[in-house]
Amino acid sequence: MTRSVARLPTDATLPVDVVVNGLPQTEGVDYFIVGRLIVFDRALLAGPPPSRPRRILAACLGIHVGGDTLDVHYRTGGTLRAATGLDIARC
């Protein structure tokens, strides 16, 4: 089984909201937190986002193109923060 991992931001405190390609993920179903890592039991494709014309074409066709984007929303010191485009690695 191919897994994908990403490191939580250093100032992130639990709980966090994880979003892949704009879709909210559910902890325990879509991902797990292990220490400071977000672990997915599936392969996420790391890579740059597609160009604007490719995104428009993909939206019209209802498909996803390019690499996956991983965002994390979290609170630190009472302030809501977002880390976007986290690095994804396979393991």
PDB file of N, CA and C in Angstrom:
ATOM      1  N   MET A   1       0.837  -1.176   0.000  1.00  0.00           N
ATOM      2  CA  MET A   1       0.000   0.000   0.000  1.00  0.00           C
ATOM      3  C   MET A   1       0.885   1.243   0.000  1.00  0.00           C
ATOM      4  N   THR A   2       0.592   2.162  -0.894  1.00  0.00           N
ATOM      5  CA  THR A   2       1.332   3.412  -0.952  1.00  0.00           C
ATOM      6  C   THR A   2       0.677   4.422  -0.033  1.00  0.00           C
ATOM      7  N   ARG A   3       1.475   5.024   0.817  1.00  0.00           N
ATOM      8  CA  ARG A   3       0.982   6.055   1.721  1.00  0.00           C
ATOM      9  C   ARG A   3       1.612   7.383   1.354  1.00  0.00           C
ATOM     10  N   SER A   4       0.928   8.433   1.717  1.00  0.00           N
ATOM     11  CA  SER A   4       1.453   9.778   1.538  1.00  0.00           C
ATOM     12  C   SER A   4       1.499  10.455   2.900  1.00  0.00           C
ATOM     13  N   VAL A   5       2.523  11.271   3.097  1.00  0.00           N
ATOM     14  CA  VAL A   5       2.666  11.974   4.374  1.00  0.00           C
ATOM     15  C   VAL A   5       3.000  13.443   4.127  1.00  0.00           C
ATOM     16  N   ALA A   6       2.617  14.255   5.091  1.00  0.00           N
ATOM     17  CA  ALA A   6       2.969  15.672   5.091  1.00  0.00           C
ATOM     18  C   ALA A   6       3.196  16.079   6.536  1.00  0.00           C
ATOM     19  N   ARG A   7       4.076  17.031   6.733  1.00  0.00           N
ATOM     20  CA  ARG A   7       4.395  17.505   8.078  1.00  0.00           C
ATOM     21  C   ARG A   7       3.461  18.654   8.459  1.00  0.00           C
ATOM     22  N   LEU A   8       2.934  18.589   9.682  1.00  0.00           N
ATOM     23  CA  LEU A   8       2.119  19.688  10.198  1.00  0.00           C
ATOM     24  C   LEU A   8       2.992  20.928  10.355  1.00  0.00           C
ATOM     25  N   PRO A   9       2.426  22.115  10.178  1.00  0.00           N
ATOM     26  CA  PRO A   9       3.182  23.337  10.453  1.00  0.00           C
ATOM     27  C   PRO A   9       3.670  23.334  11.901  1.00  0.00           C
ATOM     28  N   THR A  10       4.810  23.931  12.146  1.00  0.00           N
ATOM     29  CA  THR A  10       5.419  23.878  13.478  1.00  0.00           C
ATOM     30  C   THR A  10       4.557  24.516  14.552  1.00  0.00           C
ATOM     31  N   ASP A  11       3.761  25.527  14.186  1.00  0.00           N
ATOM     32  CA  ASP A  11       2.930  26.192  15.197  1.00  0.00           C
ATOM     33  C   ASP A  11       1.510  25.648  15.259  1.00  0.00           C
ATOM     34  N   ALA A  12       1.212  24.590  14.511  1.00  0.00           N
ATOM     35  CA  ALA A  12      -0.140  24.017  14.496  1.00  0.00           C
ATOM     36  C   ALA A  12      -0.403  23.223  15.769  1.00  0.00           C
ATOM     37  N   THR A  13      -1.591  23.429  16.317  1.00  0.00           N
ATOM     38  CA  THR A  13      -2.032  22.643  17.459  1.00  0.00           C
ATOM     39  C   THR A  13      -3.295  21.888  17.049  1.00  0.00           C
ATOM     40  N   LEU A  14      -3.477  20.723  17.627  1.00  0.00           N
ATOM     41  CA  LEU A  14      -4.648  19.906  17.312  1.00  0.00           C
ATOM     42  C   LEU A  14      -5.871  20.469  18.011  1.00  0.00           C
ATOM     43  N   PRO A  15      -7.037  20.351  17.428  1.00  0.00           N
ATOM     44  CA  PRO A  15      -7.338  19.676  16.171  1.00  0.00           C
ATOM     45  C   PRO A  15      -7.040  20.565  14.965  1.00  0.00           C
ATOM     46  N   VAL A  16      -6.883  19.942  13.807  1.00  0.00           N
ATOM     47  CA  VAL A  16      -6.654  20.655  12.558  1.00  0.00           C
ATOM     48  C   VAL A  16      -7.713  20.232  11.548  1.00  0.00           C
ATOM     49  N   ASP A  17      -7.944  21.070  10.562  1.00  0.00           N
ATOM     50  CA  ASP A  17      -8.808  20.726   9.435  1.00  0.00           C
ATOM     51  C   ASP A  17      -7.919  20.508   8.232  1.00  0.00           C
ATOM     52  N   VAL A  18      -8.043  19.357   7.610  1.00  0.00           N
ATOM     53  CA  VAL A  18      -7.224  18.996   6.454  1.00  0.00           C
ATOM     54  C   VAL A  18      -8.090  19.044   5.203  1.00  0.00           C
ATOM     55  N   VAL A  19      -7.553  19.683   4.157  1.00  0.00           N
ATOM     56  CA  VAL A  19      -8.272  19.860   2.902  1.00  0.00           C
ATOM     57  C   VAL A  19      -7.378  19.416   1.750  1.00  0.00           C
ATOM     58  N   VAL A  20      -7.877  18.511   0.901  1.00  0.00           N
ATOM     59  CA  VAL A  20      -7.136  18.056  -0.275  1.00  0.00           C
ATOM     60  C   VAL A  20      -7.924  18.472  -1.515  1.00  0.00           C
ATOM     61  N   ASN A  21      -7.278  19.242  -2.370  1.00  0.00           N
ATOM     62  CA  ASN A  21      -7.908  19.727  -3.607  1.00  0.00           C
ATOM     63  C   ASN A  21      -9.232  20.438  -3.332  1.00  0.00           C
ATOM     64  N   GLY A  22      -9.285  21.159  -2.213  1.00  0.00           N
ATOM     65  CA  GLY A  22     -10.488  21.911  -1.873  1.00  0.00           C
ATOM     66  C   GLY A  22     -11.571  21.111  -1.179  1.00  0.00           C
ATOM     67  N   LEU A  23     -11.331  19.809  -0.954  1.00  0.00           N
ATOM     68  CA  LEU A  23     -12.329  18.951  -0.321  1.00  0.00           C
ATOM     69  C   LEU A  23     -11.928  18.631   1.116  1.00  0.00           C
ATOM     70  N   PRO A  24     -12.790  18.935   2.091  1.00  0.00           N
ATOM     71  CA  PRO A  24     -12.475  18.615   3.490  1.00  0.00           C
ATOM     72  C   PRO A  24     -12.272  17.107   3.673  1.00  0.00           C
ATOM     73  N   GLN A  25     -11.300  16.765   4.496  1.00  0.00           N
ATOM     74  CA  GLN A  25     -10.995  15.367   4.793  1.00  0.00           C
ATOM     75  C   GLN A  25     -11.408  15.059   6.227  1.00  0.00           C
ATOM     76  N   THR A  26     -11.688  13.781   6.503  1.00  0.00           N
ATOM     77  CA  THR A  26     -12.129  13.355   7.835  1.00  0.00           C
ATOM     78  C   THR A  26     -11.018  12.560   8.513  1.00  0.00           C
ATOM     79  N   GLU A  27     -10.633  13.023   9.712  1.00  0.00           N
ATOM     80  CA  GLU A  27      -9.602  12.298  10.458  1.00  0.00           C
ATOM     81  C   GLU A  27     -10.131  10.923  10.837  1.00  0.00           C
ATOM     82  N   GLY A  28      -9.291   9.906  10.705  1.00  0.00           N
ATOM     83  CA  GLY A  28      -9.674   8.539  11.011  1.00  0.00           C
ATOM     84  C   GLY A  28     -10.266   7.813   9.823  1.00  0.00           C
ATOM     85  N   VAL A  29     -10.692   8.562   8.815  1.00  0.00           N
ATOM     86  CA  VAL A  29     -11.239   7.964   7.595  1.00  0.00           C
ATOM     87  C   VAL A  29     -10.309   8.244   6.420  1.00  0.00           C
ATOM     88  N   ASP A  30     -10.034   9.528   6.177  1.00  0.00           N
ATOM     89  CA  ASP A  30      -9.194   9.930   5.052  1.00  0.00           C
ATOM     90  C   ASP A  30      -7.721  10.063   5.431  1.00  0.00           C
ATOM     91  N   TYR A  31      -7.450  10.368   6.689  1.00  0.00           N
ATOM     92  CA  TYR A  31      -6.065  10.564   7.139  1.00  0.00           C
ATOM     93  C   TYR A  31      -5.973  10.286   8.635  1.00  0.00           C
ATOM     94  N   PHE A  32      -4.735  10.154   9.095  1.00  0.00           N
ATOM     95  CA  PHE A  32      -4.438   9.968  10.512  1.00  0.00           C
ATOM     96  C   PHE A  32      -3.335  10.938  10.897  1.00  0.00           C
ATOM     97  N   ILE A  33      -3.326  11.371  12.147  1.00  0.00           N
ATOM     98  CA  ILE A  33      -2.236  12.184  12.672  1.00  0.00           C
ATOM     99  C   ILE A  33      -1.331  11.263  13.466  1.00  0.00           C
ATOM    100  N   VAL A  34      -0.057  11.232  13.105  1.00  0.00           N
ATOM    101  CA  VAL A  34       0.943  10.433  13.813  1.00  0.00           C
ATOM    102  C   VAL A  34       2.071  11.381  14.196  1.00  0.00           C
ATOM    103  N   GLY A  35       2.125  11.742  15.469  1.00  0.00           N
ATOM    104  CA  GLY A  35       3.121  12.730  15.896  1.00  0.00           C
ATOM    105  C   GLY A  35       2.835  14.061  15.224  1.00  0.00           C
ATOM    106  N   ARG A  36       3.784  14.541  14.425  1.00  0.00           N
ATOM    107  CA  ARG A  36       3.631  15.806  13.685  1.00  0.00           C
ATOM    108  C   ARG A  36       3.369  15.556  12.201  1.00  0.00           C
ATOM    109  N   LEU A  37       2.960  14.327  11.863  1.00  0.00           N
ATOM    110  CA  LEU A  37       2.715  13.978  10.465  1.00  0.00           C
ATOM    111  C   LEU A  37       1.237  13.746  10.188  1.00  0.00           C
ATOM    112  N   ILE A  38       0.817  14.142   8.993  1.00  0.00           N
ATOM    113  CA  ILE A  38      -0.503  13.800   8.470  1.00  0.00           C
ATOM    114  C   ILE A  38      -0.265  12.622   7.539  1.00  0.00           C
ATOM    115  N   VAL A  39      -0.890  11.486   7.808  1.00  0.00           N
ATOM    116  CA  VAL A  39      -0.653  10.260   7.040  1.00  0.00           C
ATOM    117  C   VAL A  39      -1.924   9.873   6.294  1.00  0.00           C
ATOM    118  N   PHE A  40      -1.784   9.687   4.981  1.00  0.00           N
ATOM    119  CA  PHE A  40      -2.890   9.239   4.132  1.00  0.00           C
ATOM    120  C   PHE A  40      -2.603   7.813   3.692  1.00  0.00           C
ATOM    121  N   ASP A  41      -3.620   6.958   3.693  1.00  0.00           N
ATOM    122  CA  ASP A  41      -3.459   5.574   3.233  1.00  0.00           C
ATOM    123  C   ASP A  41      -3.653   5.461   1.728  1.00  0.00           C
ATOM    124  N   ARG A  42      -3.394   6.526   1.021  1.00  0.00           N
ATOM    125  CA  ARG A  42      -3.494   6.519  -0.437  1.00  0.00           C
ATOM    126  C   ARG A  42      -2.399   7.416  -0.992  1.00  0.00           C
ATOM    127  N   ALA A  43      -2.142   7.264  -2.258  1.00  0.00           N
ATOM    128  CA  ALA A  43      -1.116   8.068  -2.903  1.00  0.00           C
ATOM    129  C   ALA A  43      -1.687   9.417  -3.306  1.00  0.00           C
ATOM    130  N   LEU A  44      -1.072  10.464  -2.830  1.00  0.00           N
ATOM    131  CA  LEU A  44      -1.381  11.804  -3.301  1.00  0.00           C
ATOM    132  C   LEU A  44      -0.262  12.207  -4.247  1.00  0.00           C
ATOM    133  N   LEU A  45      -0.612  12.900  -5.292  1.00  0.00           N
ATOM    134  CA  LEU A  45       0.374  13.296  -6.285  1.00  0.00           C
ATOM    135  C   LEU A  45       0.937  14.660  -5.948  1.00  0.00           C
ATOM    136  N   ALA A  46       2.216  14.707  -5.632  1.00  0.00           N
ATOM    137  CA  ALA A  46       2.864  15.981  -5.381  1.00  0.00           C
ATOM    138  C   ALA A  46       3.200  16.612  -6.722  1.00  0.00           C
ATOM    139  N   GLY A  47       3.142  17.897  -6.774  1.00  0.00           N
ATOM    140  CA  GLY A  47       3.507  18.569  -8.015  1.00  0.00           C
ATOM    141  C   GLY A  47       2.884  19.937  -8.097  1.00  0.00           C
ATOM    142  N   PRO A  48       3.343  20.705  -9.062  1.00  0.00           N
ATOM    143  CA  PRO A  48       2.814  22.060  -9.209  1.00  0.00           C
ATOM    144  C   PRO A  48       1.377  22.031  -9.713  1.00  0.00           C
ATOM    145  N   PRO A  49       0.607  23.034  -9.371  1.00  0.00           N
ATOM    146  CA  PRO A  49      -0.758  23.094  -9.879  1.00  0.00           C
ATOM    147  C   PRO A  49      -0.748  23.321 -11.386  1.00  0.00           C
ATOM    148  N   PRO A  50      -1.795  22.905 -12.066  1.00  0.00           N
ATOM    149  CA  PRO A  50      -1.853  23.082 -13.512  1.00  0.00           C
ATOM    150  C   PRO A  50      -2.049  24.555 -13.891  1.00  0.00           C
ATOM    151  N   SER A  51      -1.774  24.867 -15.132  1.00  0.00           N
ATOM    152  CA  SER A  51      -1.951  26.229 -15.629  1.00  0.00           C
ATOM    153  C   SER A  51      -3.435  26.599 -15.631  1.00  0.00           C
ATOM    154  N   ARG A  52      -3.709  27.880 -15.729  1.00  0.00           N
ATOM    155  CA  ARG A  52      -5.095  28.355 -15.707  1.00  0.00           C
ATOM    156  C   ARG A  52      -5.935  27.723 -16.828  1.00  0.00           C
ATOM    157  N   PRO A  53      -5.458  27.671 -18.079  1.00  0.00           N
ATOM    158  CA  PRO A  53      -6.272  27.034 -19.126  1.00  0.00           C
ATOM    159  C   PRO A  53      -6.593  25.571 -18.831  1.00  0.00           C
ATOM    160  N   ARG A  54      -5.641  24.838 -18.265  1.00  0.00           N
ATOM    161  CA  ARG A  54      -5.898  23.431 -17.926  1.00  0.00           C
ATOM    162  C   ARG A  54      -6.911  23.310 -16.797  1.00  0.00           C
ATOM    163  N   ARG A  55      -6.859  24.243 -15.820  1.00  0.00           N
ATOM    164  CA  ARG A  55      -7.842  24.222 -14.733  1.00  0.00           C
ATOM    165  C   ARG A  55      -9.245  24.494 -15.254  1.00  0.00           C
ATOM    166  N   ILE A  56      -9.361  25.443 -16.175  1.00  0.00           N
ATOM    167  CA  ILE A  56     -10.671  25.761 -16.747  1.00  0.00           C
ATOM    168  C   ILE A  56     -11.213  24.566 -17.523  1.00  0.00           C
ATOM    169  N   LEU A  57     -10.374  23.962 -18.342  1.00  0.00           N
ATOM    170  CA  LEU A  57     -10.793  22.787 -19.105  1.00  0.00           C
ATOM    171  C   LEU A  57     -11.206  21.657 -18.160  1.00  0.00           C
ATOM    172  N   ALA A  58     -10.408  21.431 -17.125  1.00  0.00           N
ATOM    173  CA  ALA A  58     -10.717  20.366 -16.168  1.00  0.00           C
ATOM    174  C   ALA A  58     -12.034  20.642 -15.450  1.00  0.00           C
ATOM    175  N   ALA A  59     -12.283  21.906 -15.092  1.00  0.00           N
ATOM    176  CA  ALA A  59     -13.537  22.257 -14.422  1.00  0.00           C
ATOM    177  C   ALA A  59     -14.734  22.002 -15.344  1.00  0.00           C
ATOM    178  N   CYS A  60     -14.575  22.320 -16.609  1.00  0.00           N
ATOM    179  CA  CYS A  60     -15.662  22.086 -17.575  1.00  0.00           C
ATOM    180  C   CYS A  60     -15.935  20.598 -17.753  1.00  0.00           C
ATOM    181  N   LEU A  61     -14.872  19.802 -17.701  1.00  0.00           N
ATOM    182  CA  LEU A  61     -15.014  18.363 -17.885  1.00  0.00           C
ATOM    183  C   LEU A  61     -15.291  17.625 -16.580  1.00  0.00           C
ATOM    184  N   GLY A  62     -15.152  18.326 -15.462  1.00  0.00           N
ATOM    185  CA  GLY A  62     -15.404  17.714 -14.166  1.00  0.00           C
ATOM    186  C   GLY A  62     -14.315  16.746 -13.731  1.00  0.00           C
ATOM    187  N   ILE A  63     -13.065  17.038 -14.128  1.00  0.00           N
ATOM    188  CA  ILE A  63     -11.942  16.165 -13.764  1.00  0.00           C
ATOM    189  C   ILE A  63     -10.880  16.976 -13.029  1.00  0.00           C
ATOM    190  N   HIS A  64      -9.982  16.270 -12.365  1.00  0.00           N
ATOM    191  CA  HIS A  64      -8.863  16.910 -11.665  1.00  0.00           C
ATOM    192  C   HIS A  64      -7.590  16.682 -12.457  1.00  0.00           C
ATOM    193  N   VAL A  65      -6.830  17.733 -12.646  1.00  0.00           N
ATOM    194  CA  VAL A  65      -5.552  17.619 -13.354  1.00  0.00           C
ATOM    195  C   VAL A  65      -4.437  18.165 -12.474  1.00  0.00           C
ATOM    196  N   GLY A  66      -3.230  17.702 -12.714  1.00  0.00           N
ATOM    197  CA  GLY A  66      -2.083  18.201 -11.962  1.00  0.00           C
ATOM    198  C   GLY A  66      -1.921  17.518 -10.628  1.00  0.00           C
ATOM    199  N   GLY A  67      -1.017  18.048  -9.834  1.00  0.00           N
ATOM    200  CA  GLY A  67      -0.748  17.476  -8.529  1.00  0.00           C
ATOM    201  C   GLY A  67      -1.824  17.831  -7.521  1.00  0.00           C
ATOM    202  N   ASP A  68      -1.877  17.068  -6.443  1.00  0.00           N
ATOM    203  CA  ASP A  68      -2.831  17.329  -5.370  1.00  0.00           C
ATOM    204  C   ASP A  68      -2.336  18.498  -4.531  1.00  0.00           C
ATOM    205  N   THR A  69      -3.255  19.285  -4.024  1.00  0.00           N
ATOM    206  CA  THR A  69      -2.906  20.366  -3.117  1.00  0.00           C
ATOM    207  C   THR A  69      -3.404  20.005  -1.720  1.00  0.00           C
ATOM    208  N   LEU A  70      -2.569  20.260  -0.740  1.00  0.00           N
ATOM    209  CA  LEU A  70      -2.868  19.921   0.649  1.00  0.00           C
ATOM    210  C   LEU A  70      -2.804  21.191   1.485  1.00  0.00           C
ATOM    211  N   ASP A  71      -3.921  21.498   2.136  1.00  0.00           N
ATOM    212  CA  ASP A  71      -4.010  22.666   3.001  1.00  0.00           C
ATOM    213  C   ASP A  71      -4.414  22.218   4.398  1.00  0.00           C
ATOM    214  N   VAL A  72      -3.944  22.945   5.396  1.00  0.00           N
ATOM    215  CA  VAL A  72      -4.293  22.659   6.788  1.00  0.00           C
ATOM    216  C   VAL A  72      -4.751  23.949   7.438  1.00  0.00           C
ATOM    217  N   HIS A  73      -5.915  23.910   8.084  1.00  0.00           N
ATOM    218  CA  HIS A  73      -6.436  25.043   8.845  1.00  0.00           C
ATOM    219  C   HIS A  73      -6.328  24.685  10.316  1.00  0.00           C
ATOM    220  N   TYR A  74      -5.815  25.621  11.112  1.00  0.00           N
ATOM    221  CA  TYR A  74      -5.580  25.328  12.524  1.00  0.00           C
ATOM    222  C   TYR A  74      -5.608  26.615  13.333  1.00  0.00           C
ATOM    223  N   ARG A  75      -5.658  26.464  14.641  1.00  0.00           N
ATOM    224  CA  ARG A  75      -5.622  27.614  15.544  1.00  0.00           C
ATOM    225  C   ARG A  75      -4.308  27.603  16.305  1.00  0.00           C
ATOM    226  N   THR A  76      -3.790  28.790  16.496  1.00  0.00           N
ATOM    227  CA  THR A  76      -2.613  28.944  17.348  1.00  0.00           C
ATOM    228  C   THR A  76      -2.775  30.261  18.100  1.00  0.00           C
ATOM    229  N   GLY A  77      -2.735  30.190  19.413  1.00  0.00           N
ATOM    230  CA  GLY A  77      -2.924  31.381  20.228  1.00  0.00           C
ATOM    231  C   GLY A  77      -4.271  32.039  20.003  1.00  0.00           C
ATOM    232  N   GLY A  78      -5.303  31.245  19.686  1.00  0.00           N
ATOM    233  CA  GLY A  78      -6.628  31.788  19.461  1.00  0.00           C
ATOM    234  C   GLY A  78      -6.852  32.360  18.071  1.00  0.00           C
ATOM    235  N   THR A  79      -5.819  32.341  17.229  1.00  0.00           N
ATOM    236  CA  THR A  79      -5.922  32.878  15.872  1.00  0.00           C
ATOM    237  C   THR A  79      -6.051  31.743  14.864  1.00  0.00           C
ATOM    238  N   LEU A  80      -7.019  31.869  13.962  1.00  0.00           N
ATOM    239  CA  LEU A  80      -7.185  30.880  12.900  1.00  0.00           C
ATOM    240  C   LEU A  80      -6.130  31.121  11.827  1.00  0.00           C
ATOM    241  N   ARG A  81      -5.430  30.065  11.449  1.00  0.00           N
ATOM    242  CA  ARG A  81      -4.383  30.156  10.427  1.00  0.00           C
ATOM    243  C   ARG A  81      -4.587  29.078   9.385  1.00  0.00           C
ATOM    244  N   ALA A  82      -3.952  29.280   8.246  1.00  0.00           N
ATOM    245  CA  ALA A  82      -3.997  28.291   7.172  1.00  0.00           C
ATOM    246  C   ALA A  82      -2.609  28.116   6.596  1.00  0.00           C
ATOM    247  N   ALA A  83      -2.226  26.873   6.390  1.00  0.00           N
ATOM    248  CA  ALA A  83      -0.983  26.544   5.692  1.00  0.00           C
ATOM    249  C   ALA A  83      -1.414  25.902   4.378  1.00  0.00           C
ATOM    250  N   THR A  84      -1.002  26.491   3.272  1.00  0.00           N
ATOM    251  CA  THR A  84      -1.441  25.992   1.968  1.00  0.00           C
ATOM    252  C   THR A  84      -0.282  25.407   1.193  1.00  0.00           C
ATOM    253  N   GLY A  85      -0.621  24.454   0.327  1.00  0.00           N
ATOM    254  CA  GLY A  85       0.384  23.856  -0.537  1.00  0.00           C
ATOM    255  C   GLY A  85       1.469  23.107   0.217  1.00  0.00           C
ATOM    256  N   LEU A  86       1.101  22.388   1.272  1.00  0.00           N
ATOM    257  CA  LEU A  86       2.095  21.629   2.035  1.00  0.00           C
ATOM    258  C   LEU A  86       2.780  20.596   1.147  1.00  0.00           C
ATOM    259  N   ASP A  87       4.051  20.343   1.433  1.00  0.00           N
ATOM    260  CA  ASP A  87       4.801  19.332   0.681  1.00  0.00           C
ATOM    261  C   ASP A  87       4.264  17.944   1.009  1.00  0.00           C
ATOM    262  N   ILE A  88       4.116  17.125  -0.028  1.00  0.00           N
ATOM    263  CA  ILE A  88       3.608  15.765   0.107  1.00  0.00           C
ATOM    264  C   ILE A  88       4.715  14.801  -0.285  1.00  0.00           C
ATOM    265  N   ALA A  89       4.914  13.761   0.517  1.00  0.00           N
ATOM    266  CA  ALA A  89       5.900  12.722   0.210  1.00  0.00           C
ATOM    267  C   ALA A  89       5.216  11.362   0.263  1.00  0.00           C
ATOM    268  N   ARG A  90       5.737  10.442  -0.513  1.00  0.00           N
ATOM    269  CA  ARG A  90       5.217   9.058  -0.482  1.00  0.00           C
ATOM    270  C   ARG A  90       6.130   8.209   0.393  1.00  0.00           C
ATOM    271  N   CYS A  91       5.524   7.241   1.046  1.00  0.00           N
ATOM    272  CA  CYS A  91       6.332   6.320   1.854  1.00  0.00           C
ATOM    273  C   CYS A  91       5.751   4.929   1.777  1.00  0.00           C
TER     274      CYS A  91
END
